Amino acid sequence: MPYITVSTVRGILDIGQKQALLERITDLMVEIEGQGNPEFRKSVWVKIEEGEPANWSLGGMKPTAEMIATTFGPIGHDGRRMAKA
């Protein structure tokens, strides 16, 4: 029974991207560990952990919500990515 955890910075993935990631990781585990057996899907746990930007660093720089929104586009109240300004 695999347990997969994806750690990322809050604000990078929108709701659709999270759903796609959960589905594709599950599909991959069924294909590889489950050897293609569709029943194995019931045993695959996938979790996305989102950490606050202030708790992350890339190259010594802490990302801000503004930096993330500028790079990836803001996420609206519905959890979906809005077009970059």
PDB file of N, CA and C in Angstrom:
ATOM      1  N   MET A   1       0.854  -1.166   0.000  1.00  0.00           N
ATOM      2  CA  MET A   1       0.000   0.000   0.000  1.00  0.00           C
ATOM      3  C   MET A   1       0.910   1.242   0.000  1.00  0.00           C
ATOM      4  N   PRO A   2       1.055   1.916  -1.130  1.00  0.00           N
ATOM      5  CA  PRO A   2       1.938   3.082  -1.175  1.00  0.00           C
ATOM      6  C   PRO A   2       1.272   4.336  -0.610  1.00  0.00           C
ATOM      7  N   TYR A   3       2.110   5.134   0.034  1.00  0.00           N
ATOM      8  CA  TYR A   3       1.708   6.451   0.529  1.00  0.00           C
ATOM      9  C   TYR A   3       2.654   7.461  -0.113  1.00  0.00           C
ATOM     10  N   ILE A   4       2.142   8.326  -0.946  1.00  0.00           N
ATOM     11  CA  ILE A   4       2.962   9.299  -1.661  1.00  0.00           C
ATOM     12  C   ILE A   4       2.590  10.689  -1.168  1.00  0.00           C
ATOM     13  N   THR A   5       3.611  11.479  -0.824  1.00  0.00           N
ATOM     14  CA  THR A   5       3.388  12.855  -0.392  1.00  0.00           C
ATOM     15  C   THR A   5       4.135  13.784  -1.331  1.00  0.00           C
ATOM     16  N   VAL A   6       3.420  14.766  -1.849  1.00  0.00           N
ATOM     17  CA  VAL A   6       4.006  15.806  -2.687  1.00  0.00           C
ATOM     18  C   VAL A   6       4.028  17.075  -1.857  1.00  0.00           C
ATOM     19  N   SER A   7       5.211  17.643  -1.677  1.00  0.00           N
ATOM     20  CA  SER A   7       5.338  18.898  -0.928  1.00  0.00           C
ATOM     21  C   SER A   7       5.560  20.028  -1.914  1.00  0.00           C
ATOM     22  N   THR A   8       4.812  21.106  -1.739  1.00  0.00           N
ATOM     23  CA  THR A   8       4.936  22.253  -2.628  1.00  0.00           C
ATOM     24  C   THR A   8       4.614  23.533  -1.867  1.00  0.00           C
ATOM     25  N   VAL A   9       4.886  24.639  -2.502  1.00  0.00           N
ATOM     26  CA  VAL A   9       4.599  25.942  -1.922  1.00  0.00           C
ATOM     27  C   VAL A   9       3.133  26.285  -2.183  1.00  0.00           C
ATOM     28  N   ARG A  10       2.435  26.746  -1.149  1.00  0.00           N
ATOM     29  CA  ARG A  10       1.044  27.142  -1.310  1.00  0.00           C
ATOM     30  C   ARG A  10       0.949  28.251  -2.356  1.00  0.00           C
ATOM     31  N   GLY A  11       0.011  28.089  -3.269  1.00  0.00           N
ATOM     32  CA  GLY A  11      -0.224  29.102  -4.287  1.00  0.00           C
ATOM     33  C   GLY A  11       0.324  28.768  -5.655  1.00  0.00           C
ATOM     34  N   ILE A  12       1.106  27.695  -5.746  1.00  0.00           N
ATOM     35  CA  ILE A  12       1.659  27.333  -7.055  1.00  0.00           C
ATOM     36  C   ILE A  12       0.673  26.494  -7.862  1.00  0.00           C
ATOM     37  N   LEU A  13       0.000  25.558  -7.219  1.00  0.00           N
ATOM     38  CA  LEU A  13      -0.945  24.688  -7.922  1.00  0.00           C
ATOM     39  C   LEU A  13      -2.375  25.148  -7.681  1.00  0.00           C
ATOM     40  N   ASP A  14      -3.159  25.199  -8.749  1.00  0.00           N
ATOM     41  CA  ASP A  14      -4.572  25.497  -8.551  1.00  0.00           C
ATOM     42  C   ASP A  14      -5.336  24.180  -8.396  1.00  0.00           C
ATOM     43  N   ILE A  15      -6.631  24.267  -8.190  1.00  0.00           N
ATOM     44  CA  ILE A  15      -7.444  23.073  -7.897  1.00  0.00           C
ATOM     45  C   ILE A  15      -7.400  22.050  -9.029  1.00  0.00           C
ATOM     46  N   GLY A  16      -7.404  22.526 -10.269  1.00  0.00           N
ATOM     47  CA  GLY A  16      -7.340  21.615 -11.409  1.00  0.00           C
ATOM     48  C   GLY A  16      -5.999  20.915 -11.517  1.00  0.00           C
ATOM     49  N   GLN A  17      -4.931  21.654 -11.264  1.00  0.00           N
ATOM     50  CA  GLN A  17      -3.602  21.058 -11.295  1.00  0.00           C
ATOM     51  C   GLN A  17      -3.434  20.031 -10.190  1.00  0.00           C
ATOM     52  N   LYS A  18      -3.967  20.313  -9.016  1.00  0.00           N
ATOM     53  CA  LYS A  18      -3.894  19.357  -7.918  1.00  0.00           C
ATOM     54  C   LYS A  18      -4.629  18.068  -8.275  1.00  0.00           C
ATOM     55  N   GLN A  19      -5.819  18.197  -8.836  1.00  0.00           N
ATOM     56  CA  GLN A  19      -6.596  17.021  -9.212  1.00  0.00           C
ATOM     57  C   GLN A  19      -5.861  16.198 -10.259  1.00  0.00           C
ATOM     58  N   ALA A  20      -5.285  16.878 -11.264  1.00  0.00           N
ATOM     59  CA  ALA A  20      -4.529  16.170 -12.302  1.00  0.00           C
ATOM     60  C   ALA A  20      -3.326  15.455 -11.705  1.00  0.00           C
ATOM     61  N   LEU A  21      -2.624  16.115 -10.792  1.00  0.00           N
ATOM     62  CA  LEU A  21      -1.458  15.519 -10.148  1.00  0.00           C
ATOM     63  C   LEU A  21      -1.846  14.275  -9.350  1.00  0.00           C
ATOM     64  N   LEU A  22      -2.916  14.373  -8.568  1.00  0.00           N
ATOM     65  CA  LEU A  22      -3.384  13.232  -7.782  1.00  0.00           C
ATOM     66  C   LEU A  22      -3.747  12.048  -8.690  1.00  0.00           C
ATOM     67  N   GLU A  23      -4.451  12.329  -9.775  1.00  0.00           N
ATOM     68  CA  GLU A  23      -4.880  11.267 -10.690  1.00  0.00           C
ATOM     69  C   GLU A  23      -3.699  10.633 -11.401  1.00  0.00           C
ATOM     70  N   ARG A  24      -2.770  11.460 -11.886  1.00  0.00           N
ATOM     71  CA  ARG A  24      -1.655  10.925 -12.664  1.00  0.00           C
ATOM     72  C   ARG A  24      -0.666  10.148 -11.801  1.00  0.00           C
ATOM     73  N   ILE A  25      -0.439  10.616 -10.583  1.00  0.00           N
ATOM     74  CA  ILE A  25       0.436   9.856  -9.686  1.00  0.00           C
ATOM     75  C   ILE A  25      -0.208   8.504  -9.366  1.00  0.00           C
ATOM     76  N   THR A  26      -1.515   8.520  -9.118  1.00  0.00           N
ATOM     77  CA  THR A  26      -2.225   7.261  -8.860  1.00  0.00           C
ATOM     78  C   THR A  26      -2.109   6.333 -10.054  1.00  0.00           C
ATOM     79  N   ASP A  27      -2.347   6.855 -11.255  1.00  0.00           N
ATOM     80  CA  ASP A  27      -2.232   6.039 -12.467  1.00  0.00           C
ATOM     81  C   ASP A  27      -0.838   5.428 -12.600  1.00  0.00           C
ATOM     82  N   LEU A  28       0.183   6.230 -12.316  1.00  0.00           N
ATOM     83  CA  LEU A  28       1.555   5.756 -12.422  1.00  0.00           C
ATOM     84  C   LEU A  28       1.842   4.638 -11.421  1.00  0.00           C
ATOM     85  N   MET A  29       1.348   4.794 -10.194  1.00  0.00           N
ATOM     86  CA  MET A  29       1.559   3.746  -9.184  1.00  0.00           C
ATOM     87  C   MET A  29       0.834   2.461  -9.561  1.00  0.00           C
ATOM     88  N   VAL A  30      -0.368   2.583 -10.129  1.00  0.00           N
ATOM     89  CA  VAL A  30      -1.097   1.392 -10.577  1.00  0.00           C
ATOM     90  C   VAL A  30      -0.305   0.696 -11.677  1.00  0.00           C
ATOM     91  N   GLU A  31       0.224   1.492 -12.604  1.00  0.00           N
ATOM     92  CA  GLU A  31       0.992   0.930 -13.715  1.00  0.00           C
ATOM     93  C   GLU A  31       2.275   0.244 -13.237  1.00  0.00           C
ATOM     94  N   ILE A  32       3.016   0.914 -12.354  1.00  0.00           N
ATOM     95  CA  ILE A  32       4.331   0.402 -11.963  1.00  0.00           C
ATOM     96  C   ILE A  32       4.245  -0.595 -10.805  1.00  0.00           C
ATOM     97  N   GLU A  33       3.793  -0.135  -9.642  1.00  0.00           N
ATOM     98  CA  GLU A  33       3.781  -1.038  -8.484  1.00  0.00           C
ATOM     99  C   GLU A  33       2.663  -2.071  -8.588  1.00  0.00           C
ATOM    100  N   GLY A  34       1.512  -1.635  -9.084  1.00  0.00           N
ATOM    101  CA  GLY A  34       0.379  -2.542  -9.194  1.00  0.00           C
ATOM    102  C   GLY A  34       0.395  -3.393 -10.452  1.00  0.00           C
ATOM    103  N   GLN A  35       1.415  -3.217 -11.277  1.00  0.00           N
ATOM    104  CA  GLN A  35       1.585  -3.987 -12.511  1.00  0.00           C
ATOM    105  C   GLN A  35       0.350  -3.954 -13.394  1.00  0.00           C
ATOM    106  N   GLY A  36      -0.318  -2.790 -13.392  1.00  0.00           N
ATOM    107  CA  GLY A  36      -1.476  -2.602 -14.264  1.00  0.00           C
ATOM    108  C   GLY A  36      -2.794  -3.129 -13.727  1.00  0.00           C
ATOM    109  N   ASN A  37      -2.788  -3.696 -12.534  1.00  0.00           N
ATOM    110  CA  ASN A  37      -4.016  -4.243 -11.951  1.00  0.00           C
ATOM    111  C   ASN A  37      -4.890  -3.093 -11.453  1.00  0.00           C
ATOM    112  N   PRO A  38      -6.063  -2.876 -12.058  1.00  0.00           N
ATOM    113  CA  PRO A  38      -6.917  -1.754 -11.652  1.00  0.00           C
ATOM    114  C   PRO A  38      -7.382  -1.833 -10.200  1.00  0.00           C
ATOM    115  N   GLU A  39      -7.413  -3.013  -9.608  1.00  0.00           N
ATOM    116  CA  GLU A  39      -7.807  -3.158  -8.208  1.00  0.00           C
ATOM    117  C   GLU A  39      -6.784  -2.504  -7.267  1.00  0.00           C
ATOM    118  N   PHE A  40      -5.537  -2.388  -7.717  1.00  0.00           N
ATOM    119  CA  PHE A  40      -4.484  -1.793  -6.903  1.00  0.00           C
ATOM    120  C   PHE A  40      -4.784  -0.324  -6.604  1.00  0.00           C
ATOM    121  N   ARG A  41      -5.550   0.330  -7.472  1.00  0.00           N
ATOM    122  CA  ARG A  41      -5.916   1.742  -7.299  1.00  0.00           C
ATOM    123  C   ARG A  41      -6.502   2.001  -5.909  1.00  0.00           C
ATOM    124  N   LYS A  42      -7.243   1.059  -5.379  1.00  0.00           N
ATOM    125  CA  LYS A  42      -7.874   1.211  -4.067  1.00  0.00           C
ATOM    126  C   LYS A  42      -6.852   1.282  -2.933  1.00  0.00           C
ATOM    127  N   SER A  43      -5.598   0.926  -3.209  1.00  0.00           N
ATOM    128  CA  SER A  43      -4.559   0.906  -2.184  1.00  0.00           C
ATOM    129  C   SER A  43      -3.607   2.089  -2.258  1.00  0.00           C
ATOM    130  N   VAL A  44      -3.788   2.977  -3.228  1.00  0.00           N
ATOM    131  CA  VAL A  44      -2.842   4.069  -3.450  1.00  0.00           C
ATOM    132  C   VAL A  44      -3.317   5.335  -2.733  1.00  0.00           C
ATOM    133  N   TRP A  45      -2.485   5.810  -1.821  1.00  0.00           N
ATOM    134  CA  TRP A  45      -2.753   7.060  -1.106  1.00  0.00           C
ATOM    135  C   TRP A  45      -1.819   8.134  -1.653  1.00  0.00           C
ATOM    136  N   VAL A  46      -2.365   9.283  -2.035  1.00  0.00           N
ATOM    137  CA  VAL A  46      -1.556  10.405  -2.494  1.00  0.00           C
ATOM    138  C   VAL A  46      -2.013  11.648  -1.742  1.00  0.00           C
ATOM    139  N   LYS A  47      -1.051  12.406  -1.226  1.00  0.00           N
ATOM    140  CA  LYS A  47      -1.368  13.612  -0.463  1.00  0.00           C
ATOM    141  C   LYS A  47      -0.517  14.763  -0.984  1.00  0.00           C
ATOM    142  N   ILE A  48      -1.137  15.926  -1.108  1.00  0.00           N
ATOM    143  CA  ILE A  48      -0.407  17.138  -1.460  1.00  0.00           C
ATOM    144  C   ILE A  48      -0.335  18.002  -0.213  1.00  0.00           C
ATOM    145  N   GLU A  49       0.894  18.282   0.222  1.00  0.00           N
ATOM    146  CA  GLU A  49       1.108  19.173   1.360  1.00  0.00           C
ATOM    147  C   GLU A  49       1.578  20.518   0.824  1.00  0.00           C
ATOM    148  N   GLU A  50       0.885  21.560   1.222  1.00  0.00           N
ATOM    149  CA  GLU A  50       1.267  22.895   0.788  1.00  0.00           C
ATOM    150  C   GLU A  50       1.801  23.687   1.976  1.00  0.00           C
ATOM    151  N   GLY A  51       3.015  24.166   1.831  1.00  0.00           N
ATOM    152  CA  GLY A  51       3.625  24.958   2.884  1.00  0.00           C
ATOM    153  C   GLY A  51       3.550  26.437   2.555  1.00  0.00           C
ATOM    154  N   GLU A  52       3.502  27.228   3.595  1.00  0.00           N
ATOM    155  CA  GLU A  52       3.474  28.679   3.396  1.00  0.00           C
ATOM    156  C   GLU A  52       4.761  29.120   2.702  1.00  0.00           C
ATOM    157  N   PRO A  53       4.676  30.078   1.785  1.00  0.00           N
ATOM    158  CA  PRO A  53       5.871  30.529   1.073  1.00  0.00           C
ATOM    159  C   PRO A  53       7.006  30.951   2.006  1.00  0.00           C
ATOM    160  N   ALA A  54       6.686  31.550   3.145  1.00  0.00           N
ATOM    161  CA  ALA A  54       7.722  32.013   4.076  1.00  0.00           C
ATOM    162  C   ALA A  54       8.544  30.863   4.644  1.00  0.00           C
ATOM    163  N   ASN A  55       8.046  29.624   4.530  1.00  0.00           N
ATOM    164  CA  ASN A  55       8.760  28.461   5.051  1.00  0.00           C
ATOM    165  C   ASN A  55       9.632  27.778   4.003  1.00  0.00           C
ATOM    166  N   TRP A  56       9.736  28.372   2.817  1.00  0.00           N
ATOM    167  CA  TRP A  56      10.501  27.782   1.730  1.00  0.00           C
ATOM    168  C   TRP A  56      11.602  28.742   1.305  1.00  0.00           C
ATOM    169  N   SER A  57      12.601  28.192   0.658  1.00  0.00           N
ATOM    170  CA  SER A  57      13.679  29.004   0.098  1.00  0.00           C
ATOM    171  C   SER A  57      14.171  28.338  -1.176  1.00  0.00           C
ATOM    172  N   LEU A  58      14.447  29.143  -2.183  1.00  0.00           N
ATOM    173  CA  LEU A  58      15.039  28.664  -3.428  1.00  0.00           C
ATOM    174  C   LEU A  58      16.221  29.567  -3.726  1.00  0.00           C
ATOM    175  N   GLY A  59      17.394  29.005  -3.685  1.00  0.00           N
ATOM    176  CA  GLY A  59      18.582  29.803  -3.921  1.00  0.00           C
ATOM    177  C   GLY A  59      18.787  30.875  -2.866  1.00  0.00           C
ATOM    178  N   GLY A  60      18.285  30.622  -1.662  1.00  0.00           N
ATOM    179  CA  GLY A  60      18.428  31.578  -0.575  1.00  0.00           C
ATOM    180  C   GLY A  60      17.358  32.649  -0.545  1.00  0.00           C
ATOM    181  N   MET A  61      16.439  32.623  -1.522  1.00  0.00           N
ATOM    182  CA  MET A  61      15.357  33.615  -1.565  1.00  0.00           C
ATOM    183  C   MET A  61      14.056  32.985  -1.107  1.00  0.00           C
ATOM    184  N   LYS A  62      13.331  33.708  -0.280  1.00  0.00           N
ATOM    185  CA  LYS A  62      12.009  33.244   0.155  1.00  0.00           C
ATOM    186  C   LYS A  62      10.972  33.802  -0.828  1.00  0.00           C
ATOM    187  N   PRO A  63      10.153  32.928  -1.397  1.00  0.00           N
ATOM    188  CA  PRO A  63       9.131  33.422  -2.308  1.00  0.00           C
ATOM    189  C   PRO A  63       8.029  34.147  -1.534  1.00  0.00           C
ATOM    190  N   THR A  64       7.456  35.127  -2.156  1.00  0.00           N
ATOM    191  CA  THR A  64       6.307  35.821  -1.568  1.00  0.00           C
ATOM    192  C   THR A  64       5.077  35.456  -2.383  1.00  0.00           C
ATOM    193  N   ALA A  65       3.908  35.695  -1.820  1.00  0.00           N
ATOM    194  CA  ALA A  65       2.665  35.442  -2.555  1.00  0.00           C
ATOM    195  C   ALA A  65       2.645  36.254  -3.845  1.00  0.00           C
ATOM    196  N   GLU A  66       3.197  37.454  -3.801  1.00  0.00           N
ATOM    197  CA  GLU A  66       3.230  38.316  -4.993  1.00  0.00           C
ATOM    198  C   GLU A  66       4.131  37.714  -6.071  1.00  0.00           C
ATOM    199  N   MET A  67       5.293  37.186  -5.657  1.00  0.00           N
ATOM    200  CA  MET A  67       6.199  36.555  -6.619  1.00  0.00           C
ATOM    201  C   MET A  67       5.527  35.350  -7.277  1.00  0.00           C
ATOM    202  N   ILE A  68       4.836  34.566  -6.483  1.00  0.00           N
ATOM    203  CA  ILE A  68       4.165  33.375  -7.005  1.00  0.00           C
ATOM    204  C   ILE A  68       3.068  33.785  -7.981  1.00  0.00           C
ATOM    205  N   ALA A  69       2.262  34.768  -7.606  1.00  0.00           N
ATOM    206  CA  ALA A  69       1.180  35.225  -8.480  1.00  0.00           C
ATOM    207  C   ALA A  69       1.721  35.806  -9.776  1.00  0.00           C
ATOM    208  N   THR A  70       2.836  36.526  -9.699  1.00  0.00           N
ATOM    209  CA  THR A  70       3.435  37.112 -10.897  1.00  0.00           C
ATOM    210  C   THR A  70       3.955  36.014 -11.824  1.00  0.00           C
ATOM    211  N   THR A  71       4.546  34.989 -11.249  1.00  0.00           N
ATOM    212  CA  THR A  71       5.128  33.906 -12.042  1.00  0.00           C
ATOM    213  C   THR A  71       4.071  32.963 -12.604  1.00  0.00           C
ATOM    214  N   PHE A  72       3.124  32.550 -11.768  1.00  0.00           N
ATOM    215  CA  PHE A  72       2.167  31.515 -12.163  1.00  0.00           C
ATOM    216  C   PHE A  72       0.766  32.053 -12.432  1.00  0.00           C
ATOM    217  N   GLY A  73       0.476  33.279 -12.008  1.00  0.00           N
ATOM    218  CA  GLY A  73      -0.876  33.823 -12.079  1.00  0.00           C
ATOM    219  C   GLY A  73      -1.568  33.599 -10.754  1.00  0.00           C
ATOM    220  N   PRO A  74      -2.441  34.520 -10.351  1.00  0.00           N
ATOM    221  CA  PRO A  74      -3.131  34.371  -9.069  1.00  0.00           C
ATOM    222  C   PRO A  74      -4.183  33.265  -9.113  1.00  0.00           C
ATOM    223  N   ILE A  75      -4.507  32.759  -7.934  1.00  0.00           N
ATOM    224  CA  ILE A  75      -5.581  31.773  -7.818  1.00  0.00           C
ATOM    225  C   ILE A  75      -6.793  32.494  -7.264  1.00  0.00           C
ATOM    226  N   GLY A  76      -7.933  32.339  -7.936  1.00  0.00           N
ATOM    227  CA  GLY A  76      -9.160  33.001  -7.522  1.00  0.00           C
ATOM    228  C   GLY A  76      -9.820  32.314  -6.336  1.00  0.00           C
ATOM    229  N   HIS A  77     -10.905  32.898  -5.886  1.00  0.00           N
ATOM    230  CA  HIS A  77     -11.639  32.353  -4.731  1.00  0.00           C
ATOM    231  C   HIS A  77     -12.204  30.969  -5.017  1.00  0.00           C
ATOM    232  N   ASP A  78     -12.381  30.638  -6.299  1.00  0.00           N
ATOM    233  CA  ASP A  78     -12.906  29.321  -6.662  1.00  0.00           C
ATOM    234  C   ASP A  78     -11.818  28.256  -6.719  1.00  0.00           C
ATOM    235  N   GLY A  79     -10.555  28.652  -6.432  1.00  0.00           N
ATOM    236  CA  GLY A  79      -9.455  27.707  -6.422  1.00  0.00           C
ATOM    237  C   GLY A  79      -8.826  27.477  -7.784  1.00  0.00           C
ATOM    238  N   ARG A  80      -9.283  28.227  -8.795  1.00  0.00           N
ATOM    239  CA  ARG A  80      -8.746  28.062 -10.148  1.00  0.00           C
ATOM    240  C   ARG A  80      -7.800  29.203 -10.513  1.00  0.00           C
ATOM    241  N   ARG A  81      -6.817  28.884 -11.310  1.00  0.00           N
ATOM    242  CA  ARG A  81      -5.826  29.864 -11.743  1.00  0.00           C
ATOM    243  C   ARG A  81      -6.482  30.924 -12.625  1.00  0.00           C
ATOM    244  N   MET A  82      -6.181  32.165 -12.319  1.00  0.00           N
ATOM    245  CA  MET A  82      -6.666  33.290 -13.126  1.00  0.00           C
ATOM    246  C   MET A  82      -5.560  33.643 -14.120  1.00  0.00           C
ATOM    247  N   ALA A  83      -5.918  34.309 -15.185  1.00  0.00           N
ATOM    248  CA  ALA A  83      -4.922  34.728 -16.181  1.00  0.00           C
ATOM    249  C   ALA A  83      -3.956  35.702 -15.560  1.00  0.00           C
ATOM    250  N   LYS A  84      -2.689  35.609 -15.951  1.00  0.00           N
ATOM    251  CA  LYS A  84      -1.695  36.564 -15.454  1.00  0.00           C
ATOM    252  C   LYS A  84      -2.030  37.948 -15.977  1.00  0.00           C
ATOM    253  N   ALA A  85      -1.793  38.944 -15.110  1.00  0.00           N
ATOM    254  CA  ALA A  85      -2.114  40.326 -15.488  1.00  0.00           C
ATOM    255  C   ALA A  85      -1.143  40.832 -16.535  1.00  0.00           C
TER     256      ALA A  85
END
